[in-house]
Amino acid sequence: MARRQGGYPGGGGRQRGGGGGGNQMDQLMRQAQQMQEELAKAQEETAEMTAESTAGGGVVRAVVGGNHQILELEINPDVVDAEDVEMLQDLVSAAINDAMRQLDEKVEARMSQVAGGNLNFPGF
């Protein structure tokens, strides 16, 4: 009993040509590869990004890196009050959270440059 290959009558698996779709498929593959390369480059760039924020009129300053790590945290000693630790905690949280938000916006903007407008799929 003869086996069919590729599940198509006539065997042989995938065939190029004849259907006229080969060039479009090649173009799609090239676009996908180019987008993948651009995405990898953008990911490297975003890992190097930083964002900075302050709270309490500048008494607390936070700098975060592209991998969401805290790079710097500065606290003005004048704001440290043993009787009001909660205020200091709020200021630190506010500075870090705002810096993270800014970073996320930068990363999102960069990634949308890669994804936005680069897709040109014929027939879709």
N, C-alpha and C. Protein backbone atom coordinates (compact mmCIF):
# COMPACT_ATOMS: atom_id res chain seq x y z
N MET A 1 0.84 -1.17 0.00
CA MET A 1 0.00 0.00 0.00
C MET A 1 0.89 1.23 0.00
N ALA A 2 0.64 2.15 -0.89
CA ALA A 2 1.45 3.36 -1.01
C ALA A 2 1.03 4.37 0.05
N ARG A 3 2.02 5.06 0.59
CA ARG A 3 1.75 6.09 1.60
C ARG A 3 1.74 7.45 0.93
N ARG A 4 0.81 8.25 1.35
CA ARG A 4 0.79 9.63 0.87
C ARG A 4 1.62 10.47 1.83
N GLN A 5 2.35 11.41 1.29
CA GLN A 5 3.15 12.30 2.12
C GLN A 5 2.47 13.64 2.22
N GLY A 6 2.57 14.25 3.39
CA GLY A 6 2.07 15.59 3.56
C GLY A 6 0.56 15.70 3.65
N GLY A 7 -0.16 14.61 3.53
CA GLY A 7 -1.60 14.66 3.68
C GLY A 7 -2.34 15.21 2.47
N TYR A 8 -1.66 15.44 1.37
CA TYR A 8 -2.30 15.97 0.18
C TYR A 8 -2.36 14.88 -0.88
N PRO A 9 -3.46 14.85 -1.62
CA PRO A 9 -3.52 13.88 -2.71
C PRO A 9 -2.36 14.10 -3.67
N GLY A 10 -1.73 13.10 -4.04
CA GLY A 10 -0.59 13.22 -4.94
C GLY A 10 0.73 13.22 -4.19
N GLY A 11 0.69 13.30 -2.87
CA GLY A 11 1.91 13.24 -2.05
C GLY A 11 2.80 14.44 -2.25
N GLY A 12 4.03 14.31 -1.79
CA GLY A 12 5.02 15.33 -2.00
C GLY A 12 5.03 16.45 -0.98
N GLY A 13 4.10 16.48 -0.09
CA GLY A 13 4.12 17.54 0.93
C GLY A 13 3.83 18.90 0.33
N ARG A 14 4.45 19.94 0.90
CA ARG A 14 4.24 21.31 0.43
C ARG A 14 4.84 21.49 -0.95
N GLN A 15 4.10 22.16 -1.76
CA GLN A 15 4.59 22.44 -3.10
C GLN A 15 4.63 23.94 -3.30
N ARG A 16 5.67 24.40 -3.96
CA ARG A 16 5.78 25.82 -4.27
C ARG A 16 5.40 26.03 -5.72
N GLY A 17 4.93 27.25 -5.97
CA GLY A 17 4.57 27.56 -7.35
C GLY A 17 3.22 26.98 -7.69
N GLY A 18 2.74 27.34 -8.82
CA GLY A 18 1.47 26.80 -9.26
C GLY A 18 0.29 27.50 -8.63
N GLY A 19 0.37 27.82 -7.34
CA GLY A 19 -0.72 28.48 -6.64
C GLY A 19 -0.58 29.98 -6.62
N GLY A 20 0.61 30.49 -6.93
CA GLY A 20 0.82 31.92 -6.96
C GLY A 20 1.00 32.55 -5.59
N GLY A 21 0.97 31.77 -4.52
CA GLY A 21 1.08 32.33 -3.18
C GLY A 21 2.47 32.30 -2.60
N GLY A 22 3.43 31.72 -3.31
CA GLY A 22 4.79 31.58 -2.79
C GLY A 22 5.46 32.91 -2.49
N ASN A 23 5.33 33.86 -3.38
CA ASN A 23 5.96 35.16 -3.18
C ASN A 23 5.40 35.88 -1.97
N GLN A 24 4.09 35.81 -1.79
CA GLN A 24 3.48 36.44 -0.63
C GLN A 24 3.96 35.79 0.66
N MET A 25 4.06 34.48 0.65
CA MET A 25 4.53 33.77 1.84
C MET A 25 5.97 34.14 2.15
N ASP A 26 6.81 34.21 1.12
CA ASP A 26 8.20 34.62 1.32
C ASP A 26 8.27 36.03 1.88
N GLN A 27 7.43 36.92 1.36
CA GLN A 27 7.40 38.30 1.85
C GLN A 27 6.97 38.34 3.32
N LEU A 28 5.96 37.56 3.66
CA LEU A 28 5.51 37.51 5.05
C LEU A 28 6.61 36.99 5.97
N MET A 29 7.33 35.99 5.51
CA MET A 29 8.42 35.43 6.32
C MET A 29 9.53 36.46 6.52
N ARG A 30 9.86 37.20 5.46
CA ARG A 30 10.89 38.25 5.58
C ARG A 30 10.43 39.34 6.55
N GLN A 31 9.16 39.73 6.44
CA GLN A 31 8.63 40.75 7.35
C GLN A 31 8.66 40.27 8.79
N ALA A 32 8.29 39.02 9.00
CA ALA A 32 8.30 38.46 10.36
C ALA A 32 9.71 38.43 10.92
N GLN A 33 10.67 38.04 10.10
CA GLN A 33 12.06 38.00 10.55
C GLN A 33 12.57 39.41 10.87
N GLN A 34 12.24 40.37 10.01
CA GLN A 34 12.66 41.75 10.25
C GLN A 34 12.03 42.29 11.53
N MET A 35 10.76 42.00 11.74
CA MET A 35 10.09 42.47 12.95
C MET A 35 10.70 41.82 14.18
N GLN A 36 11.05 40.55 14.09
CA GLN A 36 11.68 39.85 15.20
C GLN A 36 13.02 40.50 15.55
N GLU A 37 13.79 40.88 14.54
CA GLU A 37 15.07 41.54 14.77
C GLU A 37 14.87 42.91 15.41
N GLU A 38 13.87 43.66 14.92
CA GLU A 38 13.58 44.97 15.48
C GLU A 38 13.10 44.85 16.92
N LEU A 39 12.31 43.83 17.20
CA LEU A 39 11.82 43.61 18.56
C LEU A 39 12.98 43.30 19.50
N ALA A 40 13.91 42.47 19.08
CA ALA A 40 15.07 42.14 19.91
C ALA A 40 15.90 43.40 20.19
N LYS A 41 16.07 44.23 19.18
CA LYS A 41 16.81 45.49 19.36
C LYS A 41 16.07 46.40 20.33
N ALA A 42 14.76 46.50 20.19
CA ALA A 42 13.96 47.35 21.08
C ALA A 42 14.02 46.85 22.51
N GLN A 43 14.02 45.53 22.70
CA GLN A 43 14.11 44.97 24.05
C GLN A 43 15.45 45.32 24.69
N GLU A 44 16.52 45.29 23.91
CA GLU A 44 17.83 45.69 24.43
C GLU A 44 17.81 47.16 24.82
N GLU A 45 17.20 47.99 23.98
CA GLU A 45 17.12 49.42 24.26
C GLU A 45 16.31 49.70 25.52
N THR A 46 15.18 49.01 25.67
CA THR A 46 14.34 49.27 26.84
C THR A 46 15.01 48.80 28.12
N ALA A 47 15.85 47.80 28.04
CA ALA A 47 16.57 47.34 29.24
C ALA A 47 17.52 48.42 29.74
N GLU A 48 17.96 49.31 28.83
CA GLU A 48 18.88 50.39 29.19
C GLU A 48 18.16 51.66 29.62
N MET A 49 16.85 51.71 29.46
CA MET A 49 16.09 52.91 29.81
C MET A 49 16.06 53.12 31.32
N THR A 50 15.90 54.38 31.71
CA THR A 50 15.69 54.72 33.11
C THR A 50 14.57 55.73 33.21
N ALA A 51 13.99 55.82 34.39
CA ALA A 51 12.98 56.84 34.68
C ALA A 51 13.23 57.32 36.11
N GLU A 52 12.96 58.59 36.32
CA GLU A 52 13.21 59.21 37.62
C GLU A 52 11.96 59.93 38.08
N SER A 53 11.72 59.90 39.38
CA SER A 53 10.60 60.62 39.95
C SER A 53 10.97 61.08 41.34
N THR A 54 10.29 62.14 41.77
CA THR A 54 10.48 62.63 43.13
C THR A 54 9.12 62.71 43.81
N ALA A 55 9.15 62.79 45.12
CA ALA A 55 7.93 62.95 45.91
C ALA A 55 8.23 63.90 47.06
N GLY A 56 7.17 64.51 47.58
CA GLY A 56 7.33 65.40 48.72
C GLY A 56 8.14 66.63 48.39
N GLY A 57 7.99 67.14 47.18
CA GLY A 57 8.75 68.32 46.79
C GLY A 57 10.22 68.05 46.59
N GLY A 58 10.57 66.81 46.32
CA GLY A 58 11.96 66.47 46.04
C GLY A 58 12.71 65.87 47.21
N VAL A 59 12.03 65.65 48.33
CA VAL A 59 12.73 65.08 49.50
C VAL A 59 13.02 63.59 49.32
N VAL A 60 12.26 62.95 48.42
CA VAL A 60 12.52 61.55 48.08
C VAL A 60 12.66 61.48 46.56
N ARG A 61 13.71 60.81 46.11
CA ARG A 61 13.98 60.67 44.67
C ARG A 61 14.25 59.20 44.37
N ALA A 62 13.60 58.70 43.32
CA ALA A 62 13.80 57.31 42.91
C ALA A 62 14.14 57.25 41.43
N VAL A 63 15.08 56.39 41.09
CA VAL A 63 15.44 56.12 39.70
C VAL A 63 15.29 54.62 39.49
N VAL A 64 14.54 54.24 38.45
CA VAL A 64 14.36 52.82 38.15
C VAL A 64 14.92 52.53 36.76
N GLY A 65 15.34 51.27 36.58
CA GLY A 65 15.90 50.83 35.31
C GLY A 65 14.90 50.06 34.49
N GLY A 66 15.28 49.81 33.24
CA GLY A 66 14.40 49.16 32.28
C GLY A 66 13.93 47.78 32.66
N ASN A 67 14.62 47.14 33.56
CA ASN A 67 14.20 45.82 34.04
C ASN A 67 13.42 45.92 35.34
N HIS A 68 12.89 47.12 35.60
CA HIS A 68 12.09 47.41 36.79
C HIS A 68 12.84 47.20 38.10
N GLN A 69 14.11 47.50 38.08
CA GLN A 69 14.87 47.45 39.32
C GLN A 69 15.10 48.88 39.80
N ILE A 70 15.18 49.07 41.10
CA ILE A 70 15.46 50.39 41.67
C ILE A 70 16.96 50.60 41.57
N LEU A 71 17.36 51.63 40.83
CA LEU A 71 18.78 51.93 40.66
C LEU A 71 19.27 52.89 41.73
N GLU A 72 18.43 53.85 42.08
CA GLU A 72 18.80 54.84 43.09
C GLU A 72 17.58 55.17 43.92
N LEU A 73 17.82 55.42 45.20
CA LEU A 73 16.78 55.90 46.10
C LEU A 73 17.44 56.86 47.06
N GLU A 74 17.07 58.13 46.95
CA GLU A 74 17.64 59.15 47.81
C GLU A 74 16.55 59.70 48.72
N ILE A 75 16.88 59.82 50.00
CA ILE A 75 15.95 60.37 50.98
C ILE A 75 16.66 61.49 51.72
N ASN A 76 16.07 62.67 51.68
CA ASN A 76 16.62 63.80 52.41
C ASN A 76 16.52 63.50 53.91
N PRO A 77 17.62 63.55 54.64
CA PRO A 77 17.59 63.22 56.07
C PRO A 77 16.63 64.09 56.87
N ASP A 78 16.35 65.28 56.39
CA ASP A 78 15.44 66.17 57.12
C ASP A 78 14.02 65.64 57.17
N VAL A 79 13.66 64.75 56.25
CA VAL A 79 12.29 64.23 56.21
C VAL A 79 12.12 63.01 57.11
N VAL A 80 13.22 62.46 57.60
CA VAL A 80 13.15 61.27 58.44
C VAL A 80 12.70 61.67 59.84
N ASP A 81 11.53 61.15 60.21
CA ASP A 81 10.95 61.45 61.52
C ASP A 81 10.48 60.13 62.13
N ALA A 82 11.12 59.75 63.21
CA ALA A 82 10.78 58.48 63.86
C ALA A 82 9.32 58.44 64.30
N GLU A 83 8.74 59.61 64.51
CA GLU A 83 7.34 59.67 64.94
C GLU A 83 6.36 59.54 63.77
N ASP A 84 6.87 59.69 62.54
CA ASP A 84 5.99 59.65 61.37
C ASP A 84 6.61 58.82 60.25
N VAL A 85 6.88 57.58 60.53
CA VAL A 85 7.47 56.67 59.55
C VAL A 85 6.51 56.45 58.37
N GLU A 86 5.22 56.47 58.65
CA GLU A 86 4.23 56.23 57.61
C GLU A 86 4.33 57.27 56.49
N MET A 87 4.59 58.52 56.82
CA MET A 87 4.73 59.55 55.80
C MET A 87 5.92 59.24 54.90
N LEU A 88 7.03 58.85 55.50
CA LEU A 88 8.22 58.50 54.72
C LEU A 88 7.94 57.32 53.80
N GLN A 89 7.26 56.32 54.32
CA GLN A 89 6.90 55.16 53.51
C GLN A 89 6.04 55.58 52.32
N ASP A 90 5.08 56.47 52.56
CA ASP A 90 4.21 56.94 51.48
C ASP A 90 5.00 57.70 50.42
N LEU A 91 5.95 58.53 50.86
CA LEU A 91 6.76 59.29 49.91
C LEU A 91 7.63 58.37 49.06
N VAL A 92 8.24 57.39 49.70
CA VAL A 92 9.08 56.43 48.98
C VAL A 92 8.24 55.65 47.97
N SER A 93 7.10 55.16 48.42
CA SER A 93 6.21 54.42 47.51
C SER A 93 5.76 55.28 46.34
N ALA A 94 5.40 56.53 46.62
CA ALA A 94 4.93 57.42 45.56
C ALA A 94 6.03 57.67 44.52
N ALA A 95 7.25 57.91 44.98
CA ALA A 95 8.35 58.17 44.05
C ALA A 95 8.65 56.95 43.20
N ILE A 96 8.70 55.79 43.82
CA ILE A 96 9.00 54.55 43.07
C ILE A 96 7.88 54.23 42.09
N ASN A 97 6.64 54.29 42.56
CA ASN A 97 5.51 53.96 41.68
C ASN A 97 5.42 54.90 40.49
N ASP A 98 5.67 56.19 40.70
CA ASP A 98 5.63 57.13 39.59
C ASP A 98 6.77 56.87 38.60
N ALA A 99 7.94 56.57 39.12
CA ALA A 99 9.07 56.26 38.23
C ALA A 99 8.77 55.00 37.41
N MET A 100 8.18 54.00 38.04
CA MET A 100 7.81 52.77 37.32
C MET A 100 6.77 53.07 36.24
N ARG A 101 5.80 53.92 36.56
CA ARG A 101 4.78 54.29 35.58
C ARG A 101 5.42 54.98 34.38
N GLN A 102 6.33 55.91 34.66
CA GLN A 102 7.02 56.62 33.58
C GLN A 102 7.83 55.64 32.71
N LEU A 103 8.49 54.71 33.37
CA LEU A 103 9.27 53.71 32.65
C LEU A 103 8.37 52.87 31.75
N ASP A 104 7.25 52.42 32.30
CA ASP A 104 6.31 51.62 31.51
C ASP A 104 5.83 52.38 30.28
N GLU A 105 5.58 53.68 30.43
CA GLU A 105 5.16 54.49 29.29
C GLU A 105 6.25 54.57 28.23
N LYS A 106 7.50 54.72 28.66
CA LYS A 106 8.62 54.77 27.72
C LYS A 106 8.75 53.44 26.97
N VAL A 107 8.67 52.34 27.71
CA VAL A 107 8.79 51.01 27.11
C VAL A 107 7.64 50.78 26.13
N GLU A 108 6.43 51.12 26.54
CA GLU A 108 5.27 50.93 25.67
C GLU A 108 5.41 51.75 24.39
N ALA A 109 5.88 52.98 24.51
CA ALA A 109 6.06 53.82 23.33
C ALA A 109 7.08 53.21 22.38
N ARG A 110 8.17 52.70 22.92
CA ARG A 110 9.22 52.10 22.08
C ARG A 110 8.72 50.84 21.40
N MET A 111 8.02 50.00 22.16
CA MET A 111 7.53 48.75 21.58
C MET A 111 6.44 49.01 20.53
N SER A 112 5.63 50.04 20.73
CA SER A 112 4.60 50.32 19.73
C SER A 112 5.22 50.83 18.44
N GLN A 113 6.42 51.41 18.51
CA GLN A 113 7.13 51.80 17.30
C GLN A 113 7.49 50.56 16.48
N VAL A 114 7.84 49.50 17.17
CA VAL A 114 8.21 48.26 16.49
C VAL A 114 6.97 47.61 15.88
N ALA A 115 5.91 47.51 16.65
CA ALA A 115 4.71 46.80 16.19
C ALA A 115 3.86 47.66 15.27
N GLY A 116 3.78 48.94 15.53
CA GLY A 116 2.89 49.81 14.77
C GLY A 116 3.38 50.08 13.37
N GLY A 117 2.54 49.76 12.40
CA GLY A 117 2.83 50.11 11.02
C GLY A 117 3.79 49.19 10.30
N ASN A 118 4.38 48.23 10.98
CA ASN A 118 5.33 47.34 10.31
C ASN A 118 4.67 46.12 9.70
N LEU A 119 3.44 45.91 10.03
CA LEU A 119 2.77 44.72 9.50
C LEU A 119 2.06 45.08 8.20
N ASN A 120 2.40 44.38 7.16
CA ASN A 120 1.79 44.60 5.86
C ASN A 120 1.46 43.24 5.27
N PHE A 121 0.36 42.67 5.74
CA PHE A 121 -0.01 41.34 5.29
C PHE A 121 -1.00 41.46 4.13
N PRO A 122 -0.57 41.10 2.93
CA PRO A 122 -1.48 41.17 1.78
C PRO A 122 -2.69 40.27 2.01
N GLY A 123 -3.86 40.79 1.69
CA GLY A 123 -5.08 40.00 1.80
C GLY A 123 -5.71 40.01 3.17
N PHE A 124 -5.11 40.73 4.14
CA PHE A 124 -5.68 40.78 5.49
C PHE A 124 -6.15 42.17 5.78
